[in-house]
N, C-alpha and C. Protein backbone atom coordinates (compact mmCIF):
# COMPACT_ATOMS: atom_id res chain seq x y z
N UNK A 1 17.10 -44.23 -79.40
CA UNK A 1 16.69 -44.78 -78.11
C UNK A 1 17.65 -44.34 -77.02
N UNK A 2 18.93 -44.43 -77.26
CA UNK A 2 19.93 -44.02 -76.28
C UNK A 2 19.78 -42.53 -75.97
N UNK A 3 19.46 -41.74 -77.01
CA UNK A 3 19.29 -40.31 -76.81
C UNK A 3 18.10 -40.03 -75.89
N UNK A 4 17.01 -40.80 -76.04
CA UNK A 4 15.84 -40.60 -75.20
C UNK A 4 16.14 -40.98 -73.74
N UNK A 5 16.89 -42.08 -73.56
CA UNK A 5 17.25 -42.50 -72.20
C UNK A 5 18.13 -41.44 -71.54
N UNK A 6 19.05 -40.85 -72.30
CA UNK A 6 19.94 -39.83 -71.78
C UNK A 6 19.15 -38.59 -71.36
N UNK A 7 18.15 -38.23 -72.17
CA UNK A 7 17.32 -37.06 -71.85
C UNK A 7 16.54 -37.30 -70.57
N UNK A 8 15.99 -38.52 -70.43
CA UNK A 8 15.23 -38.86 -69.24
C UNK A 8 16.10 -38.82 -67.98
N UNK A 9 17.31 -39.37 -68.09
CA UNK A 9 18.23 -39.36 -66.95
C UNK A 9 18.60 -37.93 -66.56
N UNK A 10 18.80 -37.08 -67.55
CA UNK A 10 19.15 -35.68 -67.28
C UNK A 10 18.01 -34.97 -66.56
N UNK A 11 16.79 -35.18 -67.05
CA UNK A 11 15.62 -34.57 -66.41
C UNK A 11 15.44 -35.07 -64.99
N UNK A 12 15.66 -36.37 -64.77
CA UNK A 12 15.52 -36.96 -63.44
C UNK A 12 16.55 -36.37 -62.47
N UNK A 13 17.79 -36.18 -62.98
CA UNK A 13 18.84 -35.58 -62.15
C UNK A 13 18.51 -34.16 -61.77
N UNK A 14 17.98 -33.38 -62.72
CA UNK A 14 17.60 -32.01 -62.42
C UNK A 14 16.48 -31.96 -61.39
N UNK A 15 15.54 -32.89 -61.48
CA UNK A 15 14.43 -32.96 -60.53
C UNK A 15 14.94 -33.22 -59.11
N UNK A 16 15.92 -34.14 -58.98
CA UNK A 16 16.48 -34.45 -57.66
C UNK A 16 17.21 -33.25 -57.08
N UNK A 17 18.00 -32.56 -57.90
CA UNK A 17 18.76 -31.40 -57.43
C UNK A 17 17.82 -30.30 -56.97
N UNK A 18 16.78 -30.06 -57.79
CA UNK A 18 15.81 -29.02 -57.46
C UNK A 18 15.09 -29.34 -56.15
N UNK A 19 14.76 -30.61 -55.93
CA UNK A 19 14.09 -31.02 -54.69
C UNK A 19 15.00 -30.81 -53.49
N UNK A 20 16.26 -31.13 -53.63
CA UNK A 20 17.21 -30.94 -52.53
C UNK A 20 17.34 -29.47 -52.17
N UNK A 21 17.38 -28.62 -53.21
CA UNK A 21 17.49 -27.19 -52.94
C UNK A 21 16.26 -26.67 -52.19
N UNK A 22 15.07 -27.17 -52.56
CA UNK A 22 13.85 -26.75 -51.87
C UNK A 22 13.85 -27.19 -50.43
N UNK A 23 14.30 -28.46 -50.21
CA UNK A 23 14.36 -28.95 -48.84
C UNK A 23 15.33 -28.14 -48.01
N UNK A 24 16.47 -27.81 -48.64
CA UNK A 24 17.47 -27.03 -47.91
C UNK A 24 16.95 -25.66 -47.56
N UNK A 25 16.25 -25.04 -48.54
CA UNK A 25 15.69 -23.72 -48.27
C UNK A 25 14.62 -23.78 -47.20
N UNK A 26 13.82 -24.82 -47.23
CA UNK A 26 12.77 -24.98 -46.24
C UNK A 26 13.35 -25.12 -44.84
N UNK A 27 14.45 -25.89 -44.74
CA UNK A 27 15.10 -26.05 -43.44
C UNK A 27 15.67 -24.73 -42.95
N UNK A 28 16.25 -23.98 -43.87
CA UNK A 28 16.82 -22.69 -43.48
C UNK A 28 15.74 -21.74 -42.99
N UNK A 29 14.58 -21.76 -43.71
CA UNK A 29 13.50 -20.90 -43.30
C UNK A 29 12.97 -21.30 -41.94
N UNK A 30 12.87 -22.61 -41.71
CA UNK A 30 12.39 -23.09 -40.42
C UNK A 30 13.34 -22.69 -39.31
N UNK A 31 14.65 -22.76 -39.61
CA UNK A 31 15.65 -22.39 -38.62
C UNK A 31 15.57 -20.90 -38.31
N UNK A 32 15.38 -20.09 -39.38
CA UNK A 32 15.29 -18.65 -39.18
C UNK A 32 14.06 -18.29 -38.36
N UNK A 33 12.95 -18.98 -38.65
CA UNK A 33 11.74 -18.72 -37.89
C UNK A 33 11.94 -19.03 -36.42
N UNK A 34 12.65 -20.11 -36.13
CA UNK A 34 12.91 -20.48 -34.75
C UNK A 34 13.76 -19.42 -34.05
N UNK A 35 14.76 -18.90 -34.77
CA UNK A 35 15.61 -17.87 -34.18
C UNK A 35 14.82 -16.60 -33.89
N UNK A 36 13.96 -16.20 -34.80
CA UNK A 36 13.16 -14.98 -34.60
C UNK A 36 12.24 -15.13 -33.40
N UNK A 37 11.65 -16.31 -33.23
CA UNK A 37 10.76 -16.53 -32.10
C UNK A 37 11.51 -16.41 -30.79
N UNK A 38 12.73 -16.93 -30.74
CA UNK A 38 13.53 -16.85 -29.53
C UNK A 38 13.88 -15.41 -29.19
N UNK A 39 14.23 -14.63 -30.23
CA UNK A 39 14.62 -13.25 -30.00
C UNK A 39 13.45 -12.39 -29.54
N UNK A 40 12.21 -12.73 -29.94
CA UNK A 40 11.06 -11.92 -29.61
C UNK A 40 10.47 -12.24 -28.25
N UNK A 41 10.92 -13.30 -27.59
CA UNK A 41 10.39 -13.63 -26.26
C UNK A 41 11.00 -12.71 -25.22
N UNK A 42 10.19 -11.85 -24.52
CA UNK A 42 10.74 -10.95 -23.50
C UNK A 42 11.07 -11.72 -22.22
N UNK A 43 12.00 -11.21 -21.42
CA UNK A 43 12.31 -11.88 -20.15
C UNK A 43 11.12 -11.79 -19.21
N UNK A 44 10.94 -12.75 -18.31
CA UNK A 44 9.80 -12.74 -17.39
C UNK A 44 9.87 -11.53 -16.45
N UNK A 45 8.70 -10.97 -16.15
CA UNK A 45 8.61 -9.82 -15.24
C UNK A 45 8.60 -10.31 -13.80
N UNK A 46 9.49 -9.76 -12.98
CA UNK A 46 9.57 -10.13 -11.57
C UNK A 46 8.73 -9.15 -10.77
N UNK A 47 7.62 -9.58 -10.16
CA UNK A 47 6.75 -8.63 -9.45
C UNK A 47 7.38 -8.16 -8.15
N UNK A 48 7.24 -6.86 -7.84
CA UNK A 48 7.75 -6.33 -6.56
C UNK A 48 6.78 -6.65 -5.43
N UNK A 49 7.22 -6.42 -4.20
CA UNK A 49 6.37 -6.55 -3.01
C UNK A 49 6.52 -5.25 -2.22
N UNK A 50 5.39 -4.64 -1.87
CA UNK A 50 5.44 -3.35 -1.17
C UNK A 50 5.25 -3.57 0.33
N UNK A 51 6.05 -2.86 1.12
CA UNK A 51 5.92 -2.85 2.58
C UNK A 51 5.92 -1.40 3.04
N UNK A 52 4.96 -1.04 3.90
CA UNK A 52 4.88 0.32 4.43
C UNK A 52 4.97 0.27 5.94
N UNK A 53 5.85 1.08 6.52
CA UNK A 53 6.06 1.09 7.97
C UNK A 53 5.76 2.48 8.54
N UNK A 54 5.64 2.52 9.89
CA UNK A 54 5.38 3.75 10.65
C UNK A 54 4.01 4.35 10.33
N UNK A 55 2.97 3.56 10.42
CA UNK A 55 1.62 4.07 10.23
C UNK A 55 0.75 3.55 11.37
N UNK A 56 -0.34 4.22 11.78
CA UNK A 56 -0.76 5.53 11.27
C UNK A 56 0.08 6.66 11.84
N UNK A 57 -0.13 7.86 11.32
CA UNK A 57 0.61 9.04 11.75
C UNK A 57 -0.27 9.94 12.59
N UNK A 58 0.35 10.74 13.47
CA UNK A 58 -0.37 11.74 14.27
C UNK A 58 0.37 13.06 14.15
N UNK A 59 -0.34 14.09 13.69
CA UNK A 59 0.23 15.44 13.57
C UNK A 59 -0.44 16.33 14.60
N UNK A 60 0.38 17.02 15.40
CA UNK A 60 -0.13 17.90 16.46
C UNK A 60 -0.15 19.34 15.99
N UNK A 61 -1.30 19.98 16.11
CA UNK A 61 -1.45 21.39 15.76
C UNK A 61 -1.51 22.23 17.03
N UNK A 62 -1.00 23.46 17.03
CA UNK A 62 -0.50 24.21 15.86
C UNK A 62 0.97 23.98 15.53
N UNK A 63 1.65 23.09 16.23
CA UNK A 63 3.09 22.87 15.99
C UNK A 63 3.36 22.37 14.57
N UNK A 64 2.53 21.43 14.10
CA UNK A 64 2.62 20.92 12.73
C UNK A 64 3.99 20.34 12.40
N UNK A 65 4.57 19.58 13.32
CA UNK A 65 5.84 18.90 13.04
C UNK A 65 5.58 17.75 12.07
N UNK A 66 6.41 17.66 11.05
CA UNK A 66 6.24 16.62 10.04
C UNK A 66 6.38 15.22 10.63
N UNK A 67 5.58 14.30 10.14
CA UNK A 67 5.68 12.90 10.48
C UNK A 67 6.03 12.13 9.20
N UNK A 68 6.46 10.90 9.34
CA UNK A 68 6.93 10.17 8.15
C UNK A 68 6.49 8.72 8.16
N UNK A 69 6.41 8.16 6.95
CA UNK A 69 6.27 6.72 6.78
C UNK A 69 7.20 6.29 5.64
N UNK A 70 7.50 5.01 5.59
CA UNK A 70 8.51 4.49 4.66
C UNK A 70 7.88 3.46 3.73
N UNK A 71 8.16 3.62 2.44
CA UNK A 71 7.75 2.64 1.42
C UNK A 71 8.99 1.85 1.01
N UNK A 72 8.91 0.52 1.05
CA UNK A 72 10.05 -0.34 0.73
C UNK A 72 9.64 -1.41 -0.27
N UNK A 73 10.52 -1.66 -1.23
CA UNK A 73 10.33 -2.80 -2.15
C UNK A 73 11.03 -4.00 -1.54
N UNK A 74 10.25 -4.90 -0.94
CA UNK A 74 10.81 -6.11 -0.33
C UNK A 74 10.72 -7.30 -1.28
N UNK A 75 10.56 -7.02 -2.56
CA UNK A 75 10.48 -8.08 -3.56
C UNK A 75 11.84 -8.64 -3.91
N UNK A 76 11.88 -9.67 -4.78
CA UNK A 76 13.15 -10.32 -5.14
C UNK A 76 14.01 -9.43 -6.04
N UNK A 77 15.26 -9.82 -6.18
CA UNK A 77 16.18 -9.10 -7.05
C UNK A 77 15.63 -9.07 -8.47
N UNK A 78 15.78 -7.93 -9.11
CA UNK A 78 15.27 -7.77 -10.46
C UNK A 78 13.90 -7.12 -10.52
N UNK A 79 13.25 -6.98 -9.36
CA UNK A 79 11.92 -6.36 -9.33
C UNK A 79 12.05 -4.85 -9.18
N UNK A 80 11.05 -4.12 -9.68
CA UNK A 80 11.00 -2.66 -9.58
C UNK A 80 9.62 -2.26 -9.09
N UNK A 81 9.58 -1.46 -8.04
CA UNK A 81 8.32 -1.00 -7.47
C UNK A 81 8.09 0.45 -7.86
N UNK A 82 7.06 0.70 -8.66
CA UNK A 82 6.65 2.06 -9.00
C UNK A 82 5.48 2.43 -8.10
N UNK A 83 5.58 3.57 -7.43
CA UNK A 83 4.53 3.96 -6.48
C UNK A 83 4.11 5.40 -6.71
N UNK A 84 2.90 5.72 -6.26
CA UNK A 84 2.37 7.08 -6.29
C UNK A 84 1.62 7.32 -4.99
N UNK A 85 1.89 8.44 -4.33
CA UNK A 85 1.17 8.84 -3.12
C UNK A 85 0.18 9.93 -3.52
N UNK A 86 -1.09 9.77 -3.11
CA UNK A 86 -2.12 10.74 -3.51
C UNK A 86 -2.99 11.12 -2.32
N UNK A 87 -3.29 12.41 -2.23
CA UNK A 87 -4.21 12.91 -1.20
C UNK A 87 -5.59 13.05 -1.85
N UNK A 88 -6.21 11.92 -2.15
CA UNK A 88 -7.45 11.91 -2.91
C UNK A 88 -8.61 11.28 -2.14
N UNK A 89 -8.52 11.31 -0.81
CA UNK A 89 -9.60 10.73 0.01
C UNK A 89 -10.79 11.66 0.09
N UNK A 90 -11.78 11.28 0.89
CA UNK A 90 -12.98 12.09 1.06
C UNK A 90 -12.64 13.45 1.66
N UNK A 91 -11.63 13.51 2.56
CA UNK A 91 -11.15 14.77 3.13
C UNK A 91 -9.76 15.06 2.56
N UNK A 92 -9.65 15.17 1.27
CA UNK A 92 -8.36 15.39 0.62
C UNK A 92 -8.03 16.85 0.45
N UNK A 93 -6.76 17.13 0.19
CA UNK A 93 -6.32 18.49 -0.10
C UNK A 93 -5.77 19.27 1.08
N UNK A 94 -5.63 18.62 2.25
CA UNK A 94 -5.16 19.33 3.45
C UNK A 94 -3.70 19.04 3.77
N UNK A 95 -3.08 18.09 3.09
CA UNK A 95 -1.75 17.62 3.50
C UNK A 95 -0.68 17.93 2.46
N UNK A 96 0.50 18.27 2.96
CA UNK A 96 1.71 18.33 2.15
C UNK A 96 2.49 17.03 2.36
N UNK A 97 3.17 16.56 1.30
CA UNK A 97 4.01 15.37 1.45
C UNK A 97 5.12 15.40 0.40
N UNK A 98 6.24 14.77 0.76
CA UNK A 98 7.40 14.72 -0.14
C UNK A 98 7.45 13.37 -0.85
N UNK A 99 8.28 13.30 -1.91
CA UNK A 99 8.51 12.04 -2.64
C UNK A 99 7.19 11.38 -3.05
N UNK A 100 6.33 12.15 -3.70
CA UNK A 100 5.01 11.65 -4.07
C UNK A 100 5.02 10.54 -5.09
N UNK A 101 6.04 10.45 -5.92
CA UNK A 101 6.17 9.37 -6.89
C UNK A 101 7.61 8.88 -6.87
N UNK A 102 7.79 7.62 -7.25
CA UNK A 102 9.14 7.07 -7.26
C UNK A 102 9.19 5.68 -7.84
N UNK A 103 10.41 5.21 -8.05
CA UNK A 103 10.67 3.87 -8.56
C UNK A 103 11.76 3.25 -7.69
N UNK A 104 11.45 2.11 -7.07
CA UNK A 104 12.35 1.50 -6.10
C UNK A 104 12.82 0.13 -6.58
N UNK A 105 14.13 -0.06 -6.63
CA UNK A 105 14.68 -1.38 -6.92
C UNK A 105 14.51 -2.27 -5.69
N UNK A 106 14.78 -3.56 -5.84
CA UNK A 106 14.64 -4.50 -4.73
C UNK A 106 15.50 -4.06 -3.55
N UNK A 107 14.88 -3.95 -2.36
CA UNK A 107 15.59 -3.55 -1.15
C UNK A 107 15.66 -2.06 -0.92
N UNK A 108 15.25 -1.25 -1.89
CA UNK A 108 15.32 0.21 -1.75
C UNK A 108 14.07 0.73 -1.03
N UNK A 109 14.23 1.91 -0.39
CA UNK A 109 13.14 2.52 0.37
C UNK A 109 13.01 3.99 0.03
N UNK A 110 11.83 4.56 0.30
CA UNK A 110 11.59 6.00 0.17
C UNK A 110 10.86 6.48 1.41
N UNK A 111 11.32 7.59 1.99
CA UNK A 111 10.69 8.17 3.17
C UNK A 111 9.76 9.29 2.74
N UNK A 112 8.50 9.21 3.15
CA UNK A 112 7.50 10.21 2.80
C UNK A 112 7.25 11.08 4.03
N UNK A 113 7.58 12.37 3.96
CA UNK A 113 7.36 13.31 5.05
C UNK A 113 5.99 13.96 4.87
N UNK A 114 5.18 14.00 5.94
CA UNK A 114 3.80 14.48 5.85
C UNK A 114 3.58 15.60 6.86
N UNK A 115 2.89 16.66 6.43
CA UNK A 115 2.51 17.76 7.33
C UNK A 115 1.22 18.37 6.81
N UNK A 116 0.59 19.19 7.65
CA UNK A 116 -0.62 19.90 7.25
C UNK A 116 -0.22 21.14 6.46
N UNK A 117 -0.97 21.45 5.40
CA UNK A 117 -0.68 22.66 4.64
C UNK A 117 -0.83 23.89 5.53
N UNK A 118 0.09 24.85 5.43
CA UNK A 118 0.07 26.01 6.33
C UNK A 118 -1.27 26.73 6.41
N UNK A 119 -2.00 26.77 5.30
CA UNK A 119 -3.27 27.49 5.28
C UNK A 119 -4.31 26.88 6.22
N UNK A 120 -4.11 25.61 6.60
CA UNK A 120 -5.11 24.93 7.43
C UNK A 120 -4.65 24.69 8.87
N UNK A 121 -3.48 25.21 9.22
CA UNK A 121 -2.96 24.99 10.58
C UNK A 121 -3.79 25.76 11.60
N UNK A 122 -4.07 27.02 11.31
CA UNK A 122 -4.84 27.87 12.24
C UNK A 122 -6.14 28.36 11.61
N UNK A 123 -6.70 27.57 10.72
CA UNK A 123 -7.92 28.00 10.03
C UNK A 123 -9.11 28.00 10.99
N UNK A 124 -10.13 28.80 10.65
CA UNK A 124 -11.32 28.90 11.51
C UNK A 124 -12.01 27.55 11.64
N UNK A 125 -12.09 26.83 10.52
CA UNK A 125 -12.64 25.47 10.57
C UNK A 125 -11.48 24.53 10.86
N UNK A 126 -11.37 24.11 12.11
CA UNK A 126 -10.18 23.36 12.54
C UNK A 126 -10.21 21.91 12.05
N UNK A 127 -9.00 21.41 11.74
CA UNK A 127 -8.85 20.00 11.37
C UNK A 127 -8.69 19.09 12.58
N UNK A 128 -8.56 19.69 13.77
CA UNK A 128 -8.33 18.89 14.98
C UNK A 128 -9.46 17.89 15.17
N UNK A 129 -9.07 16.65 15.40
CA UNK A 129 -10.05 15.58 15.55
C UNK A 129 -10.30 14.81 14.27
N UNK A 130 -9.75 15.28 13.16
CA UNK A 130 -9.96 14.61 11.87
C UNK A 130 -8.99 13.45 11.68
N UNK A 131 -9.40 12.50 10.88
CA UNK A 131 -8.52 11.42 10.42
C UNK A 131 -8.45 11.51 8.90
N UNK A 132 -7.35 12.06 8.40
CA UNK A 132 -7.14 12.19 6.96
C UNK A 132 -6.46 10.94 6.42
N UNK A 133 -6.51 10.77 5.11
CA UNK A 133 -5.96 9.55 4.51
C UNK A 133 -5.13 9.90 3.27
N UNK A 134 -3.91 9.37 3.22
CA UNK A 134 -3.11 9.37 2.00
C UNK A 134 -3.17 7.96 1.41
N UNK A 135 -3.36 7.87 0.11
CA UNK A 135 -3.40 6.57 -0.55
C UNK A 135 -2.08 6.32 -1.29
N UNK A 136 -1.52 5.14 -1.09
CA UNK A 136 -0.30 4.74 -1.79
C UNK A 136 -0.69 3.71 -2.85
N UNK A 137 -0.43 4.04 -4.12
CA UNK A 137 -0.78 3.16 -5.23
C UNK A 137 0.48 2.45 -5.73
N UNK A 138 0.41 1.13 -5.82
CA UNK A 138 1.53 0.32 -6.33
C UNK A 138 0.95 -0.71 -7.29
N UNK A 139 0.61 -0.33 -8.52
CA UNK A 139 -0.18 -1.18 -9.41
C UNK A 139 0.48 -2.50 -9.81
N UNK A 140 1.82 -2.59 -9.76
CA UNK A 140 2.48 -3.82 -10.19
C UNK A 140 2.92 -4.70 -9.03
N UNK A 141 2.66 -4.28 -7.81
CA UNK A 141 3.07 -5.08 -6.65
C UNK A 141 2.23 -6.35 -6.56
N UNK A 142 2.84 -7.42 -6.08
CA UNK A 142 2.14 -8.71 -6.01
C UNK A 142 1.17 -8.78 -4.84
N UNK A 143 1.29 -7.88 -3.85
CA UNK A 143 0.43 -8.00 -2.66
C UNK A 143 -0.63 -6.92 -2.56
N UNK A 144 -0.35 -5.66 -2.92
CA UNK A 144 -1.34 -4.59 -2.80
C UNK A 144 -1.28 -3.67 -4.01
N UNK A 145 -2.39 -3.03 -4.31
CA UNK A 145 -2.40 -2.01 -5.35
C UNK A 145 -2.82 -0.66 -4.79
N UNK A 146 -3.38 -0.62 -3.58
CA UNK A 146 -3.78 0.65 -2.97
C UNK A 146 -3.72 0.47 -1.46
N UNK A 147 -2.92 1.30 -0.78
CA UNK A 147 -2.74 1.17 0.67
C UNK A 147 -3.06 2.50 1.32
N UNK A 148 -4.04 2.56 2.23
CA UNK A 148 -4.34 3.81 2.92
C UNK A 148 -3.39 4.05 4.09
N UNK A 149 -2.92 5.28 4.23
CA UNK A 149 -2.11 5.70 5.36
C UNK A 149 -2.91 6.75 6.13
N UNK A 150 -3.33 6.41 7.34
CA UNK A 150 -4.17 7.30 8.14
C UNK A 150 -3.31 8.36 8.82
N UNK A 151 -3.76 9.62 8.74
CA UNK A 151 -3.06 10.74 9.38
C UNK A 151 -4.04 11.40 10.35
N UNK A 152 -3.82 11.19 11.65
CA UNK A 152 -4.71 11.75 12.68
C UNK A 152 -4.24 13.15 13.06
N UNK A 153 -5.17 14.07 13.17
CA UNK A 153 -4.86 15.46 13.52
C UNK A 153 -5.36 15.72 14.94
N UNK A 154 -4.44 16.13 15.83
CA UNK A 154 -4.79 16.41 17.22
C UNK A 154 -4.22 17.76 17.64
N UNK A 155 -4.80 18.32 18.70
CA UNK A 155 -4.26 19.55 19.28
C UNK A 155 -3.22 19.19 20.32
N UNK A 156 -2.08 19.89 20.29
CA UNK A 156 -1.00 19.54 21.21
C UNK A 156 -1.43 19.68 22.67
N UNK A 157 -2.37 20.59 22.96
CA UNK A 157 -2.81 20.76 24.34
C UNK A 157 -3.52 19.53 24.86
N UNK A 158 -4.04 18.70 23.97
CA UNK A 158 -4.77 17.50 24.41
C UNK A 158 -3.84 16.42 24.94
N UNK A 159 -2.54 16.49 24.58
CA UNK A 159 -1.61 15.46 25.04
C UNK A 159 -0.67 15.97 26.12
N UNK A 160 -0.68 17.29 26.43
CA UNK A 160 0.22 17.82 27.45
C UNK A 160 0.02 17.17 28.82
N UNK A 161 -1.23 16.88 29.26
CA UNK A 161 -1.38 16.22 30.56
C UNK A 161 -0.67 14.88 30.65
N UNK A 162 -0.45 14.26 29.53
CA UNK A 162 0.23 12.96 29.53
C UNK A 162 1.69 13.08 29.95
N UNK A 163 2.26 14.30 29.86
CA UNK A 163 3.68 14.48 30.16
C UNK A 163 3.92 15.07 31.55
N UNK A 164 2.84 15.33 32.29
CA UNK A 164 2.99 15.89 33.62
C UNK A 164 3.35 14.77 34.60
N UNK A 165 4.45 14.95 35.33
CA UNK A 165 4.88 13.93 36.28
C UNK A 165 6.39 13.80 36.30
N UNK A 166 6.88 12.75 36.89
CA UNK A 166 8.31 12.49 36.97
C UNK A 166 8.66 11.37 36.01
N UNK A 167 9.65 11.62 35.18
CA UNK A 167 10.04 10.66 34.14
C UNK A 167 11.47 10.20 34.36
N UNK A 168 11.74 8.96 34.04
CA UNK A 168 13.11 8.43 34.07
C UNK A 168 13.23 7.35 33.01
N UNK A 169 14.45 7.10 32.57
CA UNK A 169 14.68 6.08 31.55
C UNK A 169 15.36 6.67 30.33
N UNK A 170 15.27 5.97 29.22
CA UNK A 170 15.90 6.43 27.97
C UNK A 170 14.83 6.77 26.94
N UNK A 171 15.20 7.58 25.98
CA UNK A 171 14.29 7.95 24.91
C UNK A 171 15.03 8.00 23.58
N UNK A 172 14.29 7.79 22.51
CA UNK A 172 14.84 7.87 21.15
C UNK A 172 13.82 8.58 20.26
N UNK A 173 14.30 9.11 19.17
CA UNK A 173 13.41 9.79 18.22
C UNK A 173 14.20 10.33 17.05
N UNK A 174 13.61 11.32 16.36
CA UNK A 174 14.27 11.95 15.23
C UNK A 174 14.23 13.46 15.40
N UNK A 175 15.34 14.10 15.00
CA UNK A 175 15.43 15.56 15.04
C UNK A 175 15.27 16.09 13.62
N UNK A 176 14.36 17.01 13.42
CA UNK A 176 14.08 17.52 12.08
C UNK A 176 14.66 18.91 11.91
N UNK A 177 15.23 19.14 10.71
CA UNK A 177 15.83 20.43 10.41
C UNK A 177 14.82 21.39 9.83
N UNK A 178 15.33 22.49 9.29
CA UNK A 178 14.47 23.53 8.72
C UNK A 178 13.69 22.98 7.54
N UNK A 179 12.43 23.35 7.43
CA UNK A 179 11.57 22.88 6.34
C UNK A 179 11.70 23.81 5.14
N UNK A 180 12.14 23.26 4.00
CA UNK A 180 12.24 24.01 2.76
C UNK A 180 11.16 23.51 1.80
N UNK A 181 10.34 24.40 1.23
CA UNK A 181 9.21 23.97 0.40
C UNK A 181 9.58 23.07 -0.76
N UNK A 182 10.75 23.27 -1.34
CA UNK A 182 11.12 22.52 -2.53
C UNK A 182 12.08 21.37 -2.24
N UNK A 183 12.41 21.14 -0.97
CA UNK A 183 13.38 20.10 -0.63
C UNK A 183 12.84 19.19 0.47
N UNK A 184 13.34 17.96 0.47
CA UNK A 184 12.96 17.03 1.53
C UNK A 184 13.50 17.53 2.87
N UNK A 185 12.75 17.31 3.91
CA UNK A 185 13.15 17.80 5.23
C UNK A 185 14.22 16.88 5.81
N UNK A 186 15.38 17.43 6.20
CA UNK A 186 16.44 16.57 6.75
C UNK A 186 16.08 16.07 8.14
N UNK A 187 16.58 14.92 8.49
CA UNK A 187 16.33 14.38 9.82
C UNK A 187 17.53 13.56 10.26
N UNK A 188 17.65 13.35 11.57
CA UNK A 188 18.72 12.53 12.12
C UNK A 188 18.23 11.90 13.42
N UNK A 189 18.67 10.68 13.71
CA UNK A 189 18.23 10.01 14.94
C UNK A 189 18.83 10.68 16.17
N UNK A 190 18.05 10.78 17.23
CA UNK A 190 18.52 11.35 18.50
C UNK A 190 18.09 10.42 19.63
N UNK A 191 18.78 10.52 20.78
CA UNK A 191 18.44 9.70 21.94
C UNK A 191 19.01 10.35 23.18
N UNK A 192 18.59 9.89 24.34
CA UNK A 192 19.09 10.45 25.58
C UNK A 192 18.56 9.71 26.78
N UNK A 193 18.86 10.23 27.97
CA UNK A 193 18.44 9.61 29.22
C UNK A 193 17.66 10.62 30.05
N UNK A 194 16.50 10.19 30.55
CA UNK A 194 15.68 11.03 31.43
C UNK A 194 16.04 10.71 32.88
N UNK A 195 16.50 11.71 33.63
CA UNK A 195 16.89 11.50 35.02
C UNK A 195 16.25 12.58 35.88
N UNK A 196 15.28 12.25 36.72
CA UNK A 196 14.61 13.27 37.55
C UNK A 196 15.52 13.95 38.54
N UNK A 197 16.72 13.42 38.81
CA UNK A 197 17.60 13.99 39.83
C UNK A 197 18.54 15.06 39.24
N UNK A 198 18.56 15.18 37.89
CA UNK A 198 19.49 16.13 37.28
C UNK A 198 19.16 17.56 37.70
N UNK A 199 17.89 17.88 37.95
CA UNK A 199 17.52 19.25 38.27
C UNK A 199 18.10 19.71 39.62
N UNK A 200 18.57 18.77 40.44
CA UNK A 200 19.13 19.13 41.73
C UNK A 200 20.63 19.42 41.66
N UNK A 201 21.23 19.14 40.49
CA UNK A 201 22.68 19.32 40.37
C UNK A 201 23.00 20.72 39.93
């Protein structure tokens, strides 16, 4: 009888130990699962905000001086603005432009220089009077995914009468350097004073 009681107690003790080990393993597995879930959660994506300035543009032919507009990521810190500029409108294929694609951190900007392709400056079928469009695509921006930039083409002779007369005051603008096909066109701010009496000195 004592031997049977001893066997029962031994079996009961083994059952308790085995149960504790299972519980411990179960807790460890649950803890590991929790850790894996935490590690697999990606950080939240901060959406950028796109801002475009200096539009619309006007290009005067046959001078074909480049004009520019600026793309800026005005989104919060940690955001990245990926953009693409495309000449894919109904009247596409007539314009050259720099910095066609880019990635901008928060607060960063890109200047896009635009001009008419040389083959169309003095072509028989004139672009004068046309309104061409460049599209700016920003698929991850919180405010826009496609922004049209209008480029008006005019003949310089059409605006010359506007400059006939006596002028005075101050002026500001940008001075553009030599155009290199494979490089962005350099520019620098310029300013001055218009004085009609200087010609008498």
